[in-house]
Amino acid sequence: MKMKKFKLSRKWTIFSVTANGTFMATLSAGIVNIALPTMAQSFQVGLEDIQLVVSMYLLVLTCLLPVFGKLSDIYSRKWMYLGGFITFGVGALCGAVAWSLPSMLFARAIQGVGSSAMMATSQALIAQVFHGKSRGQAFGAIGAVVACGGLAGPAIGGVLIQAWGWQSIFWLSIPVCILGVWRGIYLIPRFHPLKHMKLDIFGAGLYVLMSFSFLYALNTGVSLGWTSYKILTAFALSLLFFIFFIRREKNAASPFMGLGIFRIKAISYGCAVAVLGYTSLFTNSVLLPFYLTDIMQMDPVKIGLLMLPFPITLAITSPLAGSLCAKWPARIITTAGFVLLIVSTLMFAFIGKEPSVYYIVLAQLIMGAGSGTFQVPNNNTVVSAAPKGKLGVVASVNALSRNVGMISGIALSVAIFTAVQNFSIAHGAAPTDAFIRAYMAAMLFGTLCAAVGGILSVKRD
């Protein structure tokens, strides 16, 4: 694929369109997390069920990422990205009018499809426009955009939910989608796709079935029971589809993903580091709002304000980490980020019943700093290692690793939390004590993931 050269001002104009989509997706995610306790009351469901509002979105998004990544290598990245924008907006409209948990899950699935198309192409668009030193700066800037979306999400969400209910958070996404599509039509250039490449539809189907079966079992194991026939069947099917997928990848004339990319150490280690880092981060994303609601007795506005320190330090450290990419090896920067994650998850693990607000703020600040420090150099390393003609696939696999970590962090932390809480109550613990023990166990799991991620980060070149 012939690379186009753009003037610096033109590069950042194109960047602004991808930033628009990234901001919308992170804004929506931050707001939805804040709305979970209110939604649970509205739909009359518990923590095990309401977490599916987050997980369904990530499940669909994750299953389709490599598909859209491959398609973006074959067809137009511009229209793939804009089509995702439109689909996300349709999902937001469905979420605004949802009347039950199933209808909300349907809306989140549509948003997942749209976000998958955007996420699979946005990093590839940035990598196609930016080169050398400026690429690290661009990934650092996109990290700052993520932080701004996360920064605005809790604050705006808390006010909206308090004033107009959780439905208002979905109405907010619609005008942002319209603006993004309008700007993208005029500003994103059309790159020449690789017409000689083909999509292995059978291989893509096997991948989707494999990933959906596994992630479905992982997400619903808590509510249905890990030994239920549905969960065991889903795990068995995921293993069967995995075997078929590997055989197809080895024998297909034009493999869907091309497993040879994982022989590149920067890609394989980078993806493993991303999975562990995001698993650690997302052990707290669902549980913290419930801790602040049930233990601290806070309203949505106060919860939103206490969520702000995380994106503040993420916004500061992401551009800084991006600038350091040109000076220091990625493994040094990412390892420093994991050290900060270990400290922050330990702080939340030992938070107790009556922490001061300053303690929570400090823990959030450290976690945000760790997030920004490990994400940017890791993304830059993985995408920059993409072989010729594989940019879209590698960028989507990088995003896939991130979202597998998110889903695993949510599902496993809720599973650990629920198991420890039920065990504690069954053995006579008071509800508050059971909650604290369960929260500690989940966060110690997050610490373990960060520690393993840090070790892998040290070992890579």
Protein backbone atom coordinates (compact mmCIF):
# COMPACT_ATOMS: atom_id res chain seq x y z
CA MET A 1 0.00 0.00 0.00
CA LYS A 2 1.50 3.29 -1.06
CA MET A 3 1.71 5.73 1.83
CA LYS A 4 0.53 9.27 1.30
CA LYS A 5 2.50 12.17 2.73
CA PHE A 6 0.60 14.95 4.43
CA LYS A 7 1.60 18.32 5.78
CA LEU A 8 1.73 18.51 9.58
CA SER A 9 -1.41 20.66 9.81
CA ARG A 10 -3.28 18.24 7.54
CA LYS A 11 -2.21 15.28 9.68
CA TRP A 12 -3.63 16.79 12.85
CA THR A 13 -6.84 17.75 11.04
CA ILE A 14 -7.33 14.11 10.09
CA PHE A 15 -6.39 13.14 13.64
CA SER A 16 -9.14 15.39 14.99
CA VAL A 17 -11.80 13.30 13.22
CA THR A 18 -10.54 10.02 14.71
CA ALA A 19 -10.30 11.80 18.04
CA ASN A 20 -13.98 12.73 17.71
CA GLY A 21 -14.98 9.06 17.60
CA THR A 22 -12.60 8.08 20.37
CA PHE A 23 -13.94 10.84 22.59
CA MET A 24 -17.54 9.76 21.98
CA ALA A 25 -16.83 6.10 22.74
CA THR A 26 -14.96 6.84 25.98
CA LEU A 27 -17.50 9.47 27.02
CA SER A 28 -20.31 6.95 26.59
CA ALA A 29 -18.40 4.22 28.46
CA GLY A 30 -17.67 6.49 31.42
CA ILE A 31 -21.26 7.66 31.67
CA VAL A 32 -22.68 4.13 31.45
CA ASN A 33 -20.48 2.93 34.33
CA ILE A 34 -21.82 5.73 36.52
CA ALA A 35 -25.40 4.88 35.49
CA LEU A 36 -25.19 1.16 36.37
CA PRO A 37 -26.57 1.42 39.94
CA THR A 38 -29.46 3.61 38.71
CA MET A 39 -30.17 1.27 35.79
CA ALA A 40 -30.13 -1.73 38.13
CA GLN A 41 -32.88 -0.11 40.21
CA SER A 42 -34.89 0.87 37.13
CA PHE A 43 -34.75 -2.61 35.58
CA GLN A 44 -34.97 -4.32 39.00
CA VAL A 45 -31.88 -6.49 38.52
CA GLY A 46 -28.72 -7.15 40.55
CA LEU A 47 -25.00 -6.58 40.00
CA GLU A 48 -24.54 -9.93 38.21
CA ASP A 49 -27.10 -8.94 35.56
CA ILE A 50 -26.54 -5.19 35.19
CA GLN A 51 -22.82 -5.66 34.49
CA LEU A 52 -23.95 -7.23 31.19
CA VAL A 53 -24.80 -3.69 30.00
CA VAL A 54 -21.06 -3.06 29.90
CA SER A 55 -20.06 -6.58 28.96
CA MET A 56 -22.49 -6.93 26.02
CA TYR A 57 -21.01 -3.84 24.41
CA LEU A 58 -17.47 -5.15 24.89
CA LEU A 59 -18.46 -8.67 23.82
CA VAL A 60 -19.83 -7.64 20.43
CA LEU A 61 -17.07 -5.08 19.92
CA THR A 62 -14.36 -7.64 20.64
CA CYS A 63 -15.80 -10.41 18.46
CA LEU A 64 -15.91 -8.16 15.38
CA LEU A 65 -12.65 -6.22 15.72
CA PRO A 66 -10.42 -8.43 13.51
CA VAL A 67 -13.24 -8.73 10.96
CA PHE A 68 -13.45 -4.96 10.52
CA GLY A 69 -9.65 -4.71 10.68
CA LYS A 70 -9.30 -7.16 7.79
CA LEU A 71 -12.04 -5.42 5.83
CA SER A 72 -10.29 -2.09 6.33
CA ASP A 73 -7.18 -3.55 4.66
CA ILE A 74 -9.30 -4.61 1.67
CA TYR A 75 -11.87 -1.83 1.34
CA SER A 76 -12.17 1.85 2.33
CA ARG A 77 -11.02 2.69 5.87
CA LYS A 78 -12.80 6.03 5.55
CA TRP A 79 -16.26 4.56 4.99
CA MET A 80 -15.64 1.73 7.44
CA TYR A 81 -14.94 4.33 10.10
CA LEU A 82 -17.90 6.56 9.20
CA GLY A 83 -20.25 3.57 8.98
CA GLY A 84 -19.23 2.68 12.52
CA PHE A 85 -20.03 6.23 13.61
CA ILE A 86 -23.55 6.00 12.18
CA THR A 87 -24.18 2.56 13.71
CA PHE A 88 -23.03 3.76 17.12
CA GLY A 89 -25.52 6.63 16.91
CA VAL A 90 -28.36 4.23 16.06
CA GLY A 91 -27.42 2.15 19.10
CA ALA A 92 -27.49 5.27 21.28
CA LEU A 93 -31.02 6.04 20.08
CA CYS A 94 -32.11 2.48 20.92
CA GLY A 95 -30.53 2.82 24.38
CA ALA A 96 -32.38 6.07 25.04
CA VAL A 97 -35.76 4.37 24.51
CA ALA A 98 -34.88 1.01 26.14
CA TRP A 99 -37.57 -0.18 28.58
CA SER A 100 -35.99 -3.36 29.99
CA LEU A 101 -32.64 -5.07 30.44
CA PRO A 102 -32.99 -7.17 27.23
CA SER A 103 -33.82 -4.07 25.16
CA MET A 104 -30.85 -2.26 26.69
CA LEU A 105 -28.56 -5.18 25.87
CA PHE A 106 -29.81 -5.05 22.26
CA ALA A 107 -28.97 -1.34 22.10
CA ARG A 108 -25.52 -1.92 23.55
CA ALA A 109 -24.90 -4.70 21.01
CA ILE A 110 -25.62 -2.24 18.17
CA GLN A 111 -23.27 0.28 19.75
CA GLY A 112 -20.67 -2.48 19.99
CA VAL A 113 -20.89 -3.10 16.23
CA GLY A 114 -20.40 0.59 15.51
CA SER A 115 -17.59 1.03 17.98
CA SER A 116 -15.85 -2.07 16.61
CA ALA A 117 -15.76 -0.60 13.10
CA MET A 118 -14.39 2.69 14.43
CA MET A 119 -11.85 1.14 16.78
CA ALA A 120 -10.53 -1.30 14.18
CA THR A 121 -9.80 1.53 11.75
CA SER A 122 -8.90 4.54 13.92
CA GLN A 123 -5.44 3.31 14.98
CA ALA A 124 -4.70 2.21 11.40
CA LEU A 125 -5.71 5.65 10.12
CA ILE A 126 -3.36 7.32 12.61
CA ALA A 127 -0.52 4.94 11.74
CA GLN A 128 -1.10 5.54 8.03
CA VAL A 129 -0.91 9.32 8.40
CA PHE A 130 1.79 9.68 11.09
CA HIS A 131 5.32 8.28 10.87
CA GLY A 132 8.45 8.26 13.00
CA LYS A 133 8.54 10.52 16.05
CA SER A 134 5.15 12.06 15.28
CA ARG A 135 3.45 8.66 15.49
CA GLY A 136 4.28 8.33 19.20
CA GLN A 137 3.04 11.87 19.74
CA ALA A 138 -0.21 11.05 17.93
CA PHE A 139 -0.81 7.95 20.05
CA GLY A 140 -0.03 10.04 23.13
CA ALA A 141 -2.56 12.62 21.98
CA ILE A 142 -5.22 9.97 21.40
CA GLY A 143 -4.54 8.77 24.95
CA ALA A 144 -5.24 12.31 26.14
CA VAL A 145 -8.51 12.27 24.17
CA VAL A 146 -9.45 9.02 25.88
CA ALA A 147 -8.75 10.73 29.18
CA CYS A 148 -10.85 13.76 28.27
CA GLY A 149 -13.76 11.48 27.37
CA GLY A 150 -13.32 9.66 30.64
CA LEU A 151 -12.97 12.98 32.44
CA ALA A 152 -16.17 14.39 30.99
CA GLY A 153 -18.14 11.15 31.26
CA PRO A 154 -18.47 10.77 35.03
CA ALA A 155 -18.93 14.50 35.64
CA ILE A 156 -21.52 15.01 32.89
CA GLY A 157 -23.12 11.64 33.60
CA GLY A 158 -23.62 12.34 37.29
CA VAL A 159 -25.39 15.64 36.55
CA LEU A 160 -27.52 14.20 33.71
CA ILE A 161 -28.60 11.14 35.70
CA GLN A 162 -29.47 13.25 38.71
CA ALA A 163 -31.51 15.72 36.64
CA TRP A 164 -33.09 13.68 33.82
CA GLY A 165 -32.43 10.00 34.54
CA TRP A 166 -30.13 7.49 32.89
CA GLN A 167 -31.89 7.81 29.48
CA SER A 168 -30.31 11.24 28.98
CA ILE A 169 -26.81 9.77 28.75
CA PHE A 170 -27.71 8.06 25.47
CA TRP A 171 -29.35 11.15 23.96
CA LEU A 172 -26.04 12.93 24.51
CA SER A 173 -24.19 10.66 22.04
CA ILE A 174 -26.46 11.37 19.08
CA PRO A 175 -25.38 14.96 18.25
CA VAL A 176 -21.73 13.94 18.73
CA CYS A 177 -22.23 11.17 16.13
CA ILE A 178 -23.82 13.58 13.67
CA LEU A 179 -20.92 16.02 14.06
CA GLY A 180 -18.34 13.25 13.64
CA VAL A 181 -19.90 11.86 10.45
CA TRP A 182 -20.25 15.33 8.92
CA ARG A 183 -16.60 16.20 9.61
CA GLY A 184 -15.34 12.79 8.52
CA ILE A 185 -16.98 12.96 5.10
CA TYR A 186 -15.02 16.09 4.26
CA LEU A 187 -11.75 15.59 6.16
CA ILE A 188 -10.75 11.90 6.07
CA PRO A 189 -8.87 11.11 2.83
CA ARG A 190 -9.50 7.97 0.80
CA PHE A 191 -6.53 5.62 0.93
CA HIS A 192 -6.07 3.06 -1.82
CA PRO A 193 -7.00 -0.37 -0.40
CA LEU A 194 -5.28 -3.63 -1.31
CA LYS A 195 -7.62 -4.96 -3.98
CA HIS A 196 -5.69 -8.22 -4.37
CA MET A 197 -6.50 -9.27 -0.79
CA LYS A 198 -9.56 -11.35 -0.01
CA LEU A 199 -11.54 -12.02 3.15
CA ASP A 200 -11.62 -15.66 4.22
CA ILE A 201 -15.30 -15.70 5.16
CA PHE A 202 -15.15 -19.21 6.61
CA GLY A 203 -12.14 -18.34 8.78
CA ALA A 204 -13.79 -15.10 9.91
CA GLY A 205 -16.94 -17.03 10.84
CA LEU A 206 -14.94 -19.53 12.89
CA TYR A 207 -13.19 -16.68 14.72
CA VAL A 208 -16.47 -14.93 15.57
CA LEU A 209 -18.07 -18.16 16.81
CA MET A 210 -14.96 -19.04 18.84
CA SER A 211 -14.65 -15.66 20.51
CA PHE A 212 -18.39 -15.21 21.09
CA SER A 213 -18.73 -18.65 22.74
CA PHE A 214 -15.77 -18.07 25.03
CA LEU A 215 -16.64 -14.50 26.00
CA TYR A 216 -20.32 -15.36 26.48
CA ALA A 217 -19.35 -18.11 28.94
CA LEU A 218 -16.91 -15.81 30.70
CA ASN A 219 -19.48 -13.03 31.08
CA THR A 220 -22.53 -15.06 32.10
CA GLY A 221 -20.80 -17.66 34.26
CA VAL A 222 -21.57 -15.69 37.43
CA SER A 223 -25.31 -15.33 36.81
CA LEU A 224 -25.93 -18.80 35.29
CA GLY A 225 -23.43 -20.74 37.39
CA TRP A 226 -20.04 -21.98 36.18
CA THR A 227 -21.19 -25.60 36.16
CA SER A 228 -24.46 -24.98 34.28
CA TYR A 229 -24.86 -26.84 31.00
CA LYS A 230 -25.05 -23.57 29.01
CA ILE A 231 -21.70 -22.36 30.32
CA LEU A 232 -19.96 -25.72 29.94
CA THR A 233 -21.38 -26.08 26.42
CA ALA A 234 -20.21 -22.58 25.49
CA PHE A 235 -16.67 -23.29 26.73
CA ALA A 236 -16.63 -26.62 24.86
CA LEU A 237 -17.82 -24.95 21.65
CA SER A 238 -15.20 -22.22 21.97
CA LEU A 239 -12.48 -24.89 22.21
CA LEU A 240 -13.90 -26.76 19.21
CA PHE A 241 -14.12 -23.60 17.10
CA PHE A 242 -10.58 -22.65 18.19
CA ILE A 243 -9.21 -25.96 16.86
CA PHE A 244 -11.07 -25.51 13.56
CA PHE A 245 -9.90 -21.88 13.32
CA ILE A 246 -6.22 -22.80 13.79
CA ARG A 247 -6.48 -25.51 11.12
CA ARG A 248 -8.18 -23.08 8.74
CA GLU A 249 -5.51 -20.43 9.32
CA LYS A 250 -2.77 -22.95 8.48
CA ASN A 251 -4.44 -24.30 5.34
CA ALA A 252 -6.27 -21.31 3.81
CA ALA A 253 -4.75 -19.72 0.71
CA SER A 254 -5.55 -16.28 2.12
CA PRO A 255 -5.82 -16.64 5.94
CA PHE A 256 -8.32 -14.43 7.75
CA MET A 257 -5.87 -13.14 10.36
CA GLY A 258 -2.50 -14.62 9.48
CA LEU A 259 -1.10 -16.07 12.70
CA GLY A 260 2.41 -15.32 11.50
CA ILE A 261 2.06 -11.81 12.93
CA PHE A 262 2.40 -13.30 16.41
CA ARG A 263 5.89 -14.53 15.58
CA ILE A 264 6.88 -10.87 15.77
CA LYS A 265 7.89 -10.41 19.40
CA ALA A 266 6.78 -6.78 19.57
CA ILE A 267 3.25 -7.83 18.57
CA SER A 268 2.89 -11.00 20.66
CA TYR A 269 4.35 -9.48 23.84
CA GLY A 270 2.53 -6.21 23.27
CA CYS A 271 -0.83 -7.96 22.98
CA ALA A 272 -0.20 -10.04 26.12
CA VAL A 273 0.80 -6.91 28.03
CA ALA A 274 -2.36 -5.13 26.83
CA VAL A 275 -4.61 -8.00 27.99
CA LEU A 276 -3.06 -8.05 31.47
CA GLY A 277 -2.96 -4.28 31.84
CA TYR A 278 -6.60 -3.76 30.93
CA THR A 279 -7.70 -6.75 33.01
CA SER A 280 -6.05 -5.08 36.01
CA LEU A 281 -7.64 -1.69 35.23
CA PHE A 282 -11.14 -3.05 34.73
CA THR A 283 -11.30 -5.03 37.95
CA ASN A 284 -12.27 -1.68 39.48
CA SER A 285 -14.41 -0.10 36.75
CA VAL A 286 -17.70 -1.77 37.72
CA LEU A 287 -17.05 -2.41 41.41
CA LEU A 288 -15.92 1.09 42.46
CA PRO A 289 -19.28 2.81 41.68
CA PHE A 290 -21.04 0.14 43.77
CA TYR A 291 -18.53 0.60 46.60
CA LEU A 292 -19.15 4.35 46.57
CA THR A 293 -22.93 3.78 46.43
CA ASP A 294 -23.37 0.93 48.93
CA ILE A 295 -20.53 1.57 51.40
CA MET A 296 -19.93 5.33 51.14
CA GLN A 297 -23.64 6.15 50.52
CA MET A 298 -22.84 8.70 47.78
CA ASP A 299 -25.17 10.10 45.12
CA PRO A 300 -24.36 10.00 41.36
CA VAL A 301 -22.93 13.55 41.35
CA LYS A 302 -20.41 12.80 44.12
CA ILE A 303 -19.53 9.47 42.52
CA GLY A 304 -18.90 11.24 39.22
CA LEU A 305 -16.58 13.74 40.88
CA LEU A 306 -14.59 10.98 42.60
CA MET A 307 -14.10 9.26 39.25
CA LEU A 308 -12.45 12.37 37.76
CA PRO A 309 -8.89 11.98 39.14
CA PHE A 310 -8.31 8.87 36.99
CA PRO A 311 -8.83 10.58 33.60
CA ILE A 312 -7.04 13.73 34.82
CA THR A 313 -3.73 11.90 35.27
CA LEU A 314 -4.43 9.79 32.18
CA ALA A 315 -4.72 13.04 30.18
CA ILE A 316 -1.41 14.29 31.60
CA THR A 317 0.65 11.11 31.34
CA SER A 318 -0.50 9.92 27.88
CA PRO A 319 1.10 12.78 25.87
CA LEU A 320 4.15 12.62 28.13
CA ALA A 321 4.52 8.88 27.50
CA GLY A 322 4.04 9.52 23.77
CA SER A 323 6.92 12.02 23.74
CA LEU A 324 9.15 9.64 25.70
CA CYS A 325 8.63 6.92 23.07
CA ALA A 326 11.23 8.62 20.85
CA LYS A 327 13.81 8.72 23.68
CA TRP A 328 13.40 5.61 25.84
CA PRO A 329 12.70 1.92 25.10
CA ALA A 330 9.02 1.05 25.33
CA ARG A 331 9.61 -1.66 27.93
CA ILE A 332 10.97 0.89 30.43
CA ILE A 333 7.93 3.16 30.08
CA THR A 334 5.36 0.35 30.13
CA THR A 335 6.99 -1.31 33.14
CA ALA A 336 6.83 1.97 35.04
CA GLY A 337 3.13 2.09 34.23
CA PHE A 338 2.60 -1.40 35.66
CA VAL A 339 4.38 -0.47 38.87
CA LEU A 340 1.88 2.37 39.31
CA LEU A 341 -1.00 -0.06 38.61
CA ILE A 342 0.28 -2.41 41.31
CA VAL A 343 0.41 0.43 43.85
CA SER A 344 -3.10 1.68 43.00
CA THR A 345 -4.80 -1.73 43.02
CA LEU A 346 -3.22 -2.48 46.40
CA MET A 347 -4.54 0.83 47.72
CA PHE A 348 -8.07 -0.09 46.62
CA ALA A 349 -7.69 -3.62 48.00
CA PHE A 350 -7.02 -2.23 51.49
CA ILE A 351 -9.45 0.70 51.28
CA GLY A 352 -11.54 -0.46 54.25
CA LYS A 353 -14.99 0.79 55.29
CA GLU A 354 -14.39 4.48 55.95
CA PRO A 355 -11.57 5.82 53.78
CA SER A 356 -11.03 9.52 53.45
CA VAL A 357 -11.95 11.18 50.18
CA TYR A 358 -8.25 12.10 49.78
CA TYR A 359 -7.30 8.41 49.91
CA ILE A 360 -9.70 7.57 47.08
CA VAL A 361 -8.53 10.55 45.04
CA LEU A 362 -4.87 9.56 45.46
CA ALA A 363 -5.56 5.95 44.45
CA GLN A 364 -7.45 7.15 41.37
CA LEU A 365 -4.63 9.54 40.44
CA ILE A 366 -2.02 6.78 40.64
CA MET A 367 -4.19 4.35 38.64
CA GLY A 368 -4.75 6.96 35.92
CA ALA A 369 -1.03 7.66 35.73
CA GLY A 370 -0.29 3.95 35.42
CA SER A 371 -2.88 3.57 32.68
CA GLY A 372 -1.51 6.40 30.54
CA THR A 373 2.08 5.36 31.06
CA PHE A 374 1.70 1.76 29.87
CA GLN A 375 -0.92 2.22 27.11
CA VAL A 376 0.74 4.70 24.74
CA PRO A 377 4.17 3.08 24.24
CA ASN A 378 2.56 -0.34 24.06
CA ASN A 379 0.14 0.74 21.31
CA ASN A 380 2.92 2.44 19.38
CA THR A 381 5.17 -0.64 19.59
CA VAL A 382 2.50 -3.08 18.38
CA VAL A 383 1.15 -1.00 15.48
CA SER A 384 4.63 0.08 14.31
CA ALA A 385 5.63 -3.60 14.02
CA ALA A 386 2.85 -4.37 11.51
CA PRO A 387 4.11 -6.09 8.32
CA LYS A 388 3.24 -4.61 4.94
CA GLY A 389 -0.43 -5.07 4.09
CA LYS A 390 -1.30 -6.07 7.68
CA LEU A 391 -1.75 -2.65 9.28
CA GLY A 392 -5.53 -2.95 9.70
CA VAL A 393 -5.31 -6.51 11.05
CA VAL A 394 -2.53 -5.68 13.54
CA ALA A 395 -4.28 -2.50 14.71
CA SER A 396 -7.51 -4.46 15.24
CA VAL A 397 -5.68 -7.27 17.07
CA ASN A 398 -4.13 -4.66 19.33
CA ALA A 399 -7.60 -3.26 20.03
CA LEU A 400 -8.85 -6.84 20.44
CA SER A 401 -6.25 -7.47 23.16
CA ARG A 402 -7.35 -4.32 24.96
CA ASN A 403 -11.01 -5.33 24.90
CA VAL A 404 -10.35 -8.93 25.91
CA GLY A 405 -8.62 -7.43 28.95
CA MET A 406 -11.60 -5.17 29.63
CA ILE A 407 -14.10 -8.04 29.42
CA SER A 408 -11.91 -10.34 31.50
CA GLY A 409 -11.38 -7.67 34.13
CA ILE A 410 -15.11 -7.05 34.51
CA ALA A 411 -16.22 -10.68 34.35
CA LEU A 412 -13.52 -12.17 36.59
CA SER A 413 -13.64 -9.38 39.17
CA VAL A 414 -17.44 -9.70 39.46
CA ALA A 415 -17.09 -13.50 39.69
CA ILE A 416 -14.48 -13.23 42.44
CA PHE A 417 -16.47 -10.52 44.23
CA THR A 418 -19.71 -12.53 44.14
CA ALA A 419 -18.07 -15.78 45.26
CA VAL A 420 -16.25 -14.19 48.21
CA GLN A 421 -19.29 -12.12 49.23
CA ASN A 422 -21.61 -15.16 49.21
CA PHE A 423 -19.04 -17.24 51.10
CA SER A 424 -18.61 -14.54 53.74
CA ILE A 425 -22.36 -14.06 54.26
CA ALA A 426 -22.87 -17.84 54.45
CA HIS A 427 -20.32 -17.93 57.27
CA GLY A 428 -22.01 -15.21 59.30
CA ALA A 429 -20.33 -12.02 58.10
CA ALA A 430 -22.33 -8.78 58.12
CA PRO A 431 -23.27 -7.45 54.64
CA THR A 432 -20.80 -4.55 54.87
CA ASP A 433 -17.94 -6.80 56.00
CA ALA A 434 -18.77 -9.29 53.25
CA PHE A 435 -18.69 -6.50 50.67
CA ILE A 436 -15.28 -5.25 51.87
CA ARG A 437 -13.75 -8.75 51.83
CA ALA A 438 -15.11 -9.41 48.36
CA TYR A 439 -13.86 -6.07 47.07
CA MET A 440 -10.40 -6.75 48.51
CA ALA A 441 -10.23 -10.16 46.81
CA ALA A 442 -11.21 -8.71 43.44
CA MET A 443 -8.65 -5.92 43.67
CA LEU A 444 -5.86 -8.29 44.73
CA PHE A 445 -6.62 -10.20 41.55
CA GLY A 446 -6.08 -6.91 39.71
CA THR A 447 -2.73 -6.53 41.49
CA LEU A 448 -1.69 -10.02 40.35
CA CYS A 449 -2.52 -9.20 36.71
CA ALA A 450 -0.51 -5.98 36.89
CA ALA A 451 2.46 -7.82 38.39
CA VAL A 452 2.47 -10.45 35.60
CA GLY A 453 2.06 -7.71 32.99
CA GLY A 454 5.04 -5.87 34.44
CA ILE A 455 7.20 -9.01 34.28
CA LEU A 456 6.31 -9.57 30.60
CA SER A 457 7.01 -5.91 29.88
CA VAL A 458 10.52 -6.24 31.33
CA LYS A 459 11.25 -9.37 29.29
CA ARG A 460 10.36 -8.02 25.85
CA ASP A 461 12.96 -6.27 23.71
